[in-house]
């Protein structure tokens, strides 16, 4: 819990992507291991823990998300949008995993962003070579950040 709180407050960390931090209960990993399965073929958990940032459109789990009908003013949601805008300003590679229409409406700059990658199957698919339209670009972005250009795990 302390690591998650520190993460939300943007305190410096050796593992900003907390779900892959070594001191976090491994039972929290499976969902992210499925979503990042393709990247885990190339990178270790600790490398992804330092390079991945997951931003939720609306930060709560829902079986029936009513985004088209429900309009809430949420500081958390506006903060999420600002994080994406900052990533665009900094030239980061962005992988849009789901909710394309909603994200484009919330962050119009995504529509023509040259470093936007999308998934072919959003519901159950992960970031894998067969499912991510620009998987190689995602791998290269992580390689640039980690300094590991071998394309394979150690």
N, C-alpha and C. Protein backbone atom coordinates (compact mmCIF):
# COMPACT_ATOMS: atom_id res chain seq x y z
N UNK A 1 0.82 -1.18 0.00
CA UNK A 1 0.00 0.00 0.00
C UNK A 1 0.87 1.26 0.00
N UNK A 2 1.97 1.21 0.74
CA UNK A 2 2.87 2.36 0.80
C UNK A 2 3.46 2.66 -0.58
N UNK A 3 3.83 1.58 -1.31
CA UNK A 3 4.39 1.79 -2.66
C UNK A 3 3.34 2.40 -3.59
N UNK A 4 2.11 1.93 -3.52
CA UNK A 4 1.04 2.47 -4.37
C UNK A 4 0.79 3.94 -4.05
N UNK A 5 0.74 4.29 -2.78
CA UNK A 5 0.53 5.69 -2.39
C UNK A 5 1.67 6.56 -2.89
N UNK A 6 2.90 6.11 -2.69
CA UNK A 6 4.06 6.87 -3.16
C UNK A 6 4.02 7.03 -4.67
N UNK A 7 3.57 5.99 -5.36
CA UNK A 7 3.45 6.05 -6.81
C UNK A 7 2.43 7.11 -7.23
N UNK A 8 1.30 7.13 -6.57
CA UNK A 8 0.26 8.10 -6.91
C UNK A 8 0.71 9.54 -6.63
N UNK A 9 1.63 9.68 -5.68
CA UNK A 9 2.18 11.00 -5.36
C UNK A 9 3.42 11.34 -6.18
N UNK A 10 3.76 10.47 -7.13
CA UNK A 10 4.91 10.65 -8.02
C UNK A 10 6.23 10.75 -7.27
N UNK A 11 6.36 10.00 -6.20
CA UNK A 11 7.63 9.97 -5.48
C UNK A 11 8.61 9.10 -6.26
N UNK A 12 9.89 9.45 -6.25
CA UNK A 12 10.88 8.64 -6.99
C UNK A 12 10.83 7.18 -6.55
N UNK A 13 10.99 6.30 -7.53
CA UNK A 13 10.89 4.86 -7.25
C UNK A 13 11.76 4.08 -8.23
N UNK A 14 12.27 2.95 -7.78
CA UNK A 14 13.01 2.07 -8.67
C UNK A 14 12.06 1.28 -9.58
N UNK A 15 10.79 1.22 -9.23
CA UNK A 15 9.78 0.50 -10.01
C UNK A 15 8.50 1.32 -10.09
N UNK A 16 8.44 2.33 -10.95
CA UNK A 16 7.24 3.15 -11.03
C UNK A 16 5.98 2.38 -11.45
N UNK A 17 6.14 1.33 -12.27
CA UNK A 17 4.99 0.48 -12.61
C UNK A 17 4.87 -0.55 -11.48
N UNK A 18 4.11 -0.20 -10.47
CA UNK A 18 4.13 -0.91 -9.19
C UNK A 18 3.74 -2.38 -9.27
N UNK A 19 2.99 -2.77 -10.26
CA UNK A 19 2.53 -4.16 -10.32
C UNK A 19 3.68 -5.14 -10.59
N UNK A 20 4.80 -4.64 -11.08
CA UNK A 20 5.96 -5.50 -11.33
C UNK A 20 7.08 -5.26 -10.32
N UNK A 21 6.81 -4.50 -9.30
CA UNK A 21 7.82 -4.26 -8.25
C UNK A 21 8.05 -5.55 -7.47
N UNK A 22 9.29 -5.85 -7.08
CA UNK A 22 9.58 -7.11 -6.40
C UNK A 22 8.90 -7.27 -5.04
N UNK A 23 8.56 -6.17 -4.38
CA UNK A 23 7.93 -6.27 -3.07
C UNK A 23 6.40 -6.24 -3.12
N UNK A 24 5.83 -6.26 -4.31
CA UNK A 24 4.37 -6.28 -4.44
C UNK A 24 3.93 -7.73 -4.59
N UNK A 25 2.86 -8.08 -3.93
CA UNK A 25 2.35 -9.45 -3.94
C UNK A 25 2.17 -9.93 -5.39
N UNK A 26 2.78 -11.05 -5.74
CA UNK A 26 2.70 -11.58 -7.11
C UNK A 26 1.27 -11.85 -7.59
N UNK A 27 0.32 -11.98 -6.68
CA UNK A 27 -1.06 -12.22 -7.12
C UNK A 27 -1.62 -11.03 -7.90
N UNK A 28 -0.97 -9.87 -7.81
CA UNK A 28 -1.42 -8.69 -8.55
C UNK A 28 -0.84 -8.63 -9.97
N UNK A 29 0.04 -9.56 -10.31
CA UNK A 29 0.72 -9.54 -11.60
C UNK A 29 -0.04 -10.16 -12.77
N UNK A 30 -0.81 -11.23 -12.59
CA UNK A 30 -1.33 -11.98 -13.74
C UNK A 30 -2.04 -11.15 -14.80
N UNK A 31 -2.89 -10.22 -14.40
CA UNK A 31 -3.62 -9.44 -15.41
C UNK A 31 -2.64 -8.66 -16.28
N UNK A 32 -1.65 -8.03 -15.64
CA UNK A 32 -0.68 -7.24 -16.39
C UNK A 32 0.27 -8.14 -17.18
N UNK A 33 0.57 -9.32 -16.68
CA UNK A 33 1.42 -10.24 -17.44
C UNK A 33 0.74 -10.68 -18.73
N UNK A 34 -0.57 -10.83 -18.71
CA UNK A 34 -1.31 -11.15 -19.93
C UNK A 34 -1.28 -9.95 -20.88
N UNK A 35 -1.57 -8.77 -20.37
CA UNK A 35 -1.61 -7.57 -21.21
C UNK A 35 -0.24 -7.23 -21.79
N UNK A 36 0.83 -7.52 -21.06
CA UNK A 36 2.19 -7.18 -21.51
C UNK A 36 2.97 -8.42 -21.96
N UNK A 37 2.26 -9.48 -22.29
CA UNK A 37 2.89 -10.77 -22.63
C UNK A 37 3.92 -10.63 -23.74
N UNK A 38 3.59 -9.91 -24.77
CA UNK A 38 4.53 -9.74 -25.88
C UNK A 38 5.80 -9.02 -25.47
N UNK A 39 5.67 -8.05 -24.61
CA UNK A 39 6.84 -7.30 -24.15
C UNK A 39 7.67 -8.13 -23.18
N UNK A 40 7.02 -9.00 -22.41
CA UNK A 40 7.75 -9.85 -21.48
C UNK A 40 8.60 -10.89 -22.21
N UNK A 41 8.37 -11.09 -23.49
CA UNK A 41 9.25 -11.96 -24.28
C UNK A 41 10.59 -11.28 -24.55
N UNK A 42 10.59 -9.96 -24.50
CA UNK A 42 11.79 -9.18 -24.82
C UNK A 42 12.44 -8.55 -23.59
N UNK A 43 11.63 -8.28 -22.58
CA UNK A 43 12.12 -7.53 -21.43
C UNK A 43 11.76 -8.22 -20.12
N UNK A 44 12.57 -7.97 -19.12
CA UNK A 44 12.31 -8.49 -17.79
C UNK A 44 11.25 -7.62 -17.09
N UNK A 45 10.67 -8.18 -16.03
CA UNK A 45 9.69 -7.43 -15.25
C UNK A 45 10.28 -6.10 -14.75
N UNK A 46 11.52 -6.13 -14.25
CA UNK A 46 12.09 -4.90 -13.70
C UNK A 46 12.29 -3.84 -14.78
N UNK A 47 12.58 -4.25 -16.02
CA UNK A 47 12.71 -3.28 -17.11
C UNK A 47 11.37 -2.64 -17.43
N UNK A 48 10.33 -3.45 -17.49
CA UNK A 48 9.00 -2.90 -17.76
C UNK A 48 8.51 -2.06 -16.58
N UNK A 49 8.90 -2.44 -15.37
CA UNK A 49 8.51 -1.67 -14.19
C UNK A 49 9.07 -0.25 -14.23
N UNK A 50 10.15 -0.04 -14.97
CA UNK A 50 10.75 1.29 -15.08
C UNK A 50 10.32 2.05 -16.33
N UNK A 51 9.61 1.38 -17.26
CA UNK A 51 9.34 2.04 -18.54
C UNK A 51 7.87 2.13 -18.93
N UNK A 52 7.00 1.39 -18.27
CA UNK A 52 5.58 1.38 -18.63
C UNK A 52 4.81 2.30 -17.70
N UNK A 53 3.90 3.07 -18.30
CA UNK A 53 2.96 3.88 -17.54
C UNK A 53 1.58 3.53 -18.06
N UNK A 54 0.71 3.05 -17.19
CA UNK A 54 -0.66 2.73 -17.58
C UNK A 54 -1.57 3.84 -17.09
N UNK A 55 -2.33 4.42 -18.01
CA UNK A 55 -3.24 5.50 -17.68
C UNK A 55 -4.65 5.04 -18.02
N UNK A 56 -5.50 5.02 -17.04
CA UNK A 56 -6.88 4.59 -17.23
C UNK A 56 -7.74 5.77 -17.67
N UNK A 57 -8.68 5.51 -18.58
CA UNK A 57 -9.60 6.57 -18.99
C UNK A 57 -10.43 7.04 -17.79
N UNK A 58 -10.97 6.09 -17.08
CA UNK A 58 -11.67 6.40 -15.84
C UNK A 58 -11.21 5.39 -14.81
N UNK A 59 -10.59 5.84 -13.74
CA UNK A 59 -9.86 4.94 -12.85
C UNK A 59 -10.70 4.12 -11.87
N UNK A 60 -11.55 3.28 -12.41
CA UNK A 60 -12.21 2.29 -11.57
C UNK A 60 -12.67 1.14 -12.46
N UNK A 61 -12.68 -0.08 -11.93
CA UNK A 61 -13.13 -1.21 -12.75
C UNK A 61 -14.64 -1.21 -12.88
N UNK A 62 -15.12 -1.58 -14.07
CA UNK A 62 -16.55 -1.61 -14.31
C UNK A 62 -16.87 -2.66 -15.36
N UNK A 63 -17.91 -3.44 -15.10
CA UNK A 63 -18.36 -4.41 -16.10
C UNK A 63 -19.19 -3.72 -17.18
N UNK A 64 -19.84 -2.65 -16.82
CA UNK A 64 -20.70 -1.93 -17.76
C UNK A 64 -20.39 -0.45 -17.68
N UNK A 65 -19.33 -0.05 -18.34
CA UNK A 65 -18.90 1.34 -18.30
C UNK A 65 -19.85 2.19 -19.13
N UNK A 66 -20.48 3.18 -18.52
CA UNK A 66 -21.47 4.00 -19.20
C UNK A 66 -20.92 5.32 -19.66
N UNK A 67 -19.76 5.33 -20.27
CA UNK A 67 -19.10 6.60 -20.65
C UNK A 67 -19.91 7.40 -21.65
N UNK A 68 -20.65 6.74 -22.51
CA UNK A 68 -21.40 7.49 -23.51
C UNK A 68 -22.62 8.19 -22.89
N UNK A 69 -23.12 7.64 -21.80
CA UNK A 69 -24.32 8.20 -21.17
C UNK A 69 -23.99 9.05 -19.95
N UNK A 70 -22.90 8.74 -19.29
CA UNK A 70 -22.58 9.35 -18.01
C UNK A 70 -21.46 10.38 -18.17
N UNK A 71 -21.69 11.56 -17.70
CA UNK A 71 -20.67 12.61 -17.74
C UNK A 71 -20.41 13.10 -16.32
N UNK A 72 -19.26 12.79 -15.82
CA UNK A 72 -18.86 13.21 -14.48
C UNK A 72 -17.66 14.12 -14.56
N UNK A 73 -17.64 15.12 -13.72
CA UNK A 73 -16.44 15.95 -13.59
C UNK A 73 -15.56 15.25 -12.57
N UNK A 74 -14.42 14.78 -13.01
CA UNK A 74 -13.54 14.04 -12.12
C UNK A 74 -12.13 14.60 -12.22
N UNK A 75 -11.60 15.01 -11.10
CA UNK A 75 -10.22 15.51 -11.08
C UNK A 75 -9.26 14.41 -11.51
N UNK A 76 -9.54 13.18 -11.10
CA UNK A 76 -8.68 12.05 -11.48
C UNK A 76 -8.70 11.85 -12.99
N UNK A 77 -9.87 11.96 -13.59
CA UNK A 77 -9.96 11.77 -15.03
C UNK A 77 -9.24 12.89 -15.78
N UNK A 78 -9.42 14.11 -15.35
CA UNK A 78 -8.72 15.23 -15.99
C UNK A 78 -7.21 15.10 -15.82
N UNK A 79 -6.80 14.59 -14.68
CA UNK A 79 -5.38 14.35 -14.45
C UNK A 79 -4.86 13.29 -15.43
N UNK A 80 -5.63 12.23 -15.63
CA UNK A 80 -5.24 11.20 -16.60
C UNK A 80 -5.07 11.81 -17.99
N UNK A 81 -6.01 12.65 -18.39
CA UNK A 81 -5.91 13.29 -19.70
C UNK A 81 -4.65 14.15 -19.79
N UNK A 82 -4.34 14.86 -18.70
CA UNK A 82 -3.15 15.71 -18.73
C UNK A 82 -1.87 14.88 -18.81
N UNK A 83 -1.86 13.69 -18.20
CA UNK A 83 -0.69 12.82 -18.33
C UNK A 83 -0.48 12.39 -19.78
N UNK A 84 -1.56 12.09 -20.48
CA UNK A 84 -1.44 11.71 -21.89
C UNK A 84 -0.96 12.91 -22.71
N UNK A 85 -1.50 14.08 -22.44
CA UNK A 85 -1.05 15.29 -23.14
C UNK A 85 0.43 15.55 -22.90
N UNK A 86 0.90 15.34 -21.68
CA UNK A 86 2.32 15.51 -21.38
C UNK A 86 3.17 14.48 -22.14
N UNK A 87 2.67 13.26 -22.24
CA UNK A 87 3.40 12.22 -22.98
C UNK A 87 3.51 12.61 -24.46
N UNK A 88 2.47 13.17 -25.00
CA UNK A 88 2.50 13.65 -26.40
C UNK A 88 3.53 14.76 -26.53
N UNK A 89 3.49 15.73 -25.62
CA UNK A 89 4.42 16.85 -25.65
C UNK A 89 5.88 16.38 -25.57
N UNK A 90 6.11 15.27 -24.85
CA UNK A 90 7.46 14.75 -24.67
C UNK A 90 7.84 13.72 -25.74
N UNK A 91 6.94 13.47 -26.71
CA UNK A 91 7.25 12.57 -27.81
C UNK A 91 7.29 11.09 -27.42
N UNK A 92 6.55 10.70 -26.41
CA UNK A 92 6.55 9.31 -25.96
C UNK A 92 5.70 8.43 -26.86
N UNK A 93 6.04 7.16 -26.92
CA UNK A 93 5.23 6.19 -27.63
C UNK A 93 4.03 5.86 -26.76
N UNK A 94 2.84 5.91 -27.35
CA UNK A 94 1.60 5.66 -26.62
C UNK A 94 0.89 4.48 -27.25
N UNK A 95 0.50 3.53 -26.41
CA UNK A 95 -0.28 2.38 -26.88
C UNK A 95 -1.70 2.55 -26.38
N UNK A 96 -2.62 2.68 -27.30
CA UNK A 96 -4.03 2.83 -26.96
C UNK A 96 -4.63 1.43 -26.91
N UNK A 97 -5.00 1.00 -25.72
CA UNK A 97 -5.47 -0.38 -25.57
C UNK A 97 -6.97 -0.52 -25.73
N UNK A 98 -7.72 0.50 -25.42
CA UNK A 98 -9.18 0.44 -25.61
C UNK A 98 -9.77 1.83 -25.46
N UNK A 99 -11.02 1.98 -25.90
CA UNK A 99 -11.72 3.25 -25.75
C UNK A 99 -11.26 4.33 -26.70
N UNK A 100 -10.94 3.97 -27.92
CA UNK A 100 -10.38 4.94 -28.87
C UNK A 100 -11.25 6.19 -29.03
N UNK A 101 -12.54 6.02 -29.27
CA UNK A 101 -13.41 7.20 -29.46
C UNK A 101 -13.39 8.11 -28.24
N UNK A 102 -13.46 7.51 -27.06
CA UNK A 102 -13.45 8.32 -25.83
C UNK A 102 -12.14 9.06 -25.67
N UNK A 103 -11.02 8.36 -25.90
CA UNK A 103 -9.71 9.00 -25.75
C UNK A 103 -9.53 10.13 -26.77
N UNK A 104 -9.96 9.91 -28.01
CA UNK A 104 -9.80 10.95 -29.02
C UNK A 104 -10.66 12.18 -28.71
N UNK A 105 -11.80 11.94 -28.12
CA UNK A 105 -12.66 13.07 -27.72
C UNK A 105 -12.03 13.82 -26.54
N UNK A 106 -11.43 13.10 -25.62
CA UNK A 106 -10.84 13.72 -24.43
C UNK A 106 -9.50 14.38 -24.71
N UNK A 107 -8.71 13.76 -25.59
CA UNK A 107 -7.37 14.26 -25.91
C UNK A 107 -7.27 14.32 -27.44
N UNK A 108 -7.80 15.37 -28.06
CA UNK A 108 -7.84 15.45 -29.52
C UNK A 108 -6.48 15.31 -30.20
N UNK A 109 -5.40 15.70 -29.53
CA UNK A 109 -4.07 15.61 -30.13
C UNK A 109 -3.68 14.16 -30.46
N UNK A 110 -4.33 13.19 -29.85
CA UNK A 110 -4.04 11.79 -30.15
C UNK A 110 -4.40 11.42 -31.59
N UNK A 111 -5.40 12.08 -32.15
CA UNK A 111 -5.91 11.73 -33.48
C UNK A 111 -4.82 11.73 -34.55
N UNK A 112 -3.91 12.68 -34.48
CA UNK A 112 -2.85 12.78 -35.49
C UNK A 112 -1.47 12.56 -34.91
N UNK A 113 -1.41 11.93 -33.75
CA UNK A 113 -0.13 11.73 -33.09
C UNK A 113 0.64 10.61 -33.79
N UNK A 114 1.84 10.89 -34.29
CA UNK A 114 2.57 9.88 -35.08
C UNK A 114 3.11 8.70 -34.26
N UNK A 115 3.17 8.81 -32.95
CA UNK A 115 3.71 7.72 -32.13
C UNK A 115 2.60 6.97 -31.38
N UNK A 116 1.38 7.03 -31.93
CA UNK A 116 0.26 6.31 -31.35
C UNK A 116 0.20 4.91 -31.94
N UNK A 117 0.17 3.92 -31.07
CA UNK A 117 0.05 2.52 -31.48
C UNK A 117 -1.30 2.02 -30.98
N UNK A 118 -1.91 1.12 -31.76
CA UNK A 118 -3.22 0.60 -31.37
C UNK A 118 -3.23 -0.92 -31.40
N UNK A 119 -4.16 -1.47 -30.63
CA UNK A 119 -4.33 -2.92 -30.61
C UNK A 119 -5.42 -3.31 -31.60
N UNK A 120 -5.23 -4.45 -32.24
CA UNK A 120 -6.24 -4.95 -33.18
C UNK A 120 -7.44 -5.52 -32.42
N UNK A 121 -7.18 -6.28 -31.37
CA UNK A 121 -8.22 -6.84 -30.52
C UNK A 121 -8.07 -6.21 -29.15
N UNK A 122 -9.01 -5.36 -28.79
CA UNK A 122 -8.85 -4.59 -27.55
C UNK A 122 -9.39 -5.30 -26.32
N UNK A 123 -10.39 -6.11 -26.48
CA UNK A 123 -11.02 -6.68 -25.31
C UNK A 123 -10.15 -7.67 -24.56
N UNK A 124 -9.63 -8.65 -25.24
CA UNK A 124 -8.84 -9.67 -24.57
C UNK A 124 -7.39 -9.67 -25.00
N UNK A 125 -7.07 -8.84 -25.93
CA UNK A 125 -5.71 -8.86 -26.47
C UNK A 125 -4.73 -8.07 -25.63
N UNK A 126 -3.49 -8.50 -25.71
CA UNK A 126 -2.42 -7.80 -25.03
C UNK A 126 -1.53 -7.08 -26.03
N UNK A 127 -0.46 -6.52 -25.53
CA UNK A 127 0.51 -5.85 -26.39
C UNK A 127 1.48 -6.93 -26.86
N UNK A 128 1.16 -7.49 -28.02
CA UNK A 128 1.93 -8.58 -28.62
C UNK A 128 2.21 -8.24 -30.08
N UNK A 129 3.18 -8.92 -30.70
CA UNK A 129 3.48 -8.62 -32.11
C UNK A 129 2.27 -8.78 -33.03
N UNK A 130 1.44 -9.76 -32.80
CA UNK A 130 0.29 -9.98 -33.66
C UNK A 130 -0.91 -9.10 -33.36
N UNK A 131 -0.90 -8.43 -32.22
CA UNK A 131 -2.06 -7.64 -31.82
C UNK A 131 -1.80 -6.14 -31.80
N UNK A 132 -0.57 -5.72 -31.75
CA UNK A 132 -0.23 -4.29 -31.70
C UNK A 132 0.27 -3.86 -33.07
N UNK A 133 -0.40 -2.88 -33.66
CA UNK A 133 -0.09 -2.49 -35.04
C UNK A 133 1.34 -2.00 -35.23
N UNK A 134 1.98 -1.51 -34.18
CA UNK A 134 3.35 -0.99 -34.29
C UNK A 134 4.19 -1.52 -33.13
N UNK A 135 4.11 -2.83 -32.94
CA UNK A 135 4.78 -3.47 -31.82
C UNK A 135 6.28 -3.17 -31.82
N UNK A 136 6.91 -3.21 -32.98
CA UNK A 136 8.34 -2.94 -33.07
C UNK A 136 8.70 -1.57 -32.54
N UNK A 137 7.85 -0.59 -32.78
CA UNK A 137 8.11 0.76 -32.27
C UNK A 137 8.03 0.78 -30.74
N UNK A 138 7.12 0.02 -30.17
CA UNK A 138 7.01 -0.06 -28.71
C UNK A 138 8.28 -0.67 -28.13
N UNK A 139 8.75 -1.76 -28.75
CA UNK A 139 9.98 -2.42 -28.29
C UNK A 139 11.16 -1.45 -28.39
N UNK A 140 11.28 -0.74 -29.50
CA UNK A 140 12.39 0.20 -29.67
C UNK A 140 12.34 1.34 -28.64
N UNK A 141 11.14 1.80 -28.31
CA UNK A 141 11.01 2.86 -27.30
C UNK A 141 11.50 2.37 -25.94
N UNK A 142 11.17 1.14 -25.60
CA UNK A 142 11.63 0.59 -24.31
C UNK A 142 13.13 0.35 -24.36
N UNK A 143 13.63 -0.12 -25.49
CA UNK A 143 15.08 -0.32 -25.63
C UNK A 143 15.83 0.99 -25.45
N UNK A 144 15.32 2.06 -26.04
CA UNK A 144 15.98 3.37 -25.90
C UNK A 144 16.01 3.78 -24.43
N UNK A 145 14.95 3.54 -23.72
CA UNK A 145 14.86 3.94 -22.32
C UNK A 145 15.74 3.10 -21.43
N UNK A 146 15.76 1.77 -21.68
CA UNK A 146 16.54 0.87 -20.81
C UNK A 146 18.00 0.80 -21.22
N UNK A 147 18.30 1.20 -22.46
CA UNK A 147 19.65 1.08 -22.97
C UNK A 147 19.96 -0.33 -23.47
N UNK A 148 18.96 -1.20 -23.45
CA UNK A 148 19.12 -2.59 -23.89
C UNK A 148 18.59 -2.70 -25.31
N UNK A 149 19.47 -2.81 -26.28
CA UNK A 149 19.06 -2.92 -27.68
C UNK A 149 19.25 -4.34 -28.20
N UNK A 150 19.37 -5.29 -27.30
CA UNK A 150 19.58 -6.68 -27.74
C UNK A 150 18.31 -7.31 -28.25
N UNK A 151 17.14 -6.77 -27.85
CA UNK A 151 15.89 -7.33 -28.28
C UNK A 151 15.55 -8.64 -27.60
N UNK A 152 16.26 -8.99 -26.57
CA UNK A 152 15.98 -10.25 -25.87
C UNK A 152 16.29 -10.10 -24.39
N UNK A 153 15.63 -10.95 -23.63
CA UNK A 153 15.88 -10.97 -22.18
C UNK A 153 17.27 -11.50 -21.89
N UNK A 154 17.78 -11.15 -20.73
CA UNK A 154 19.05 -11.71 -20.27
C UNK A 154 18.80 -13.06 -19.67
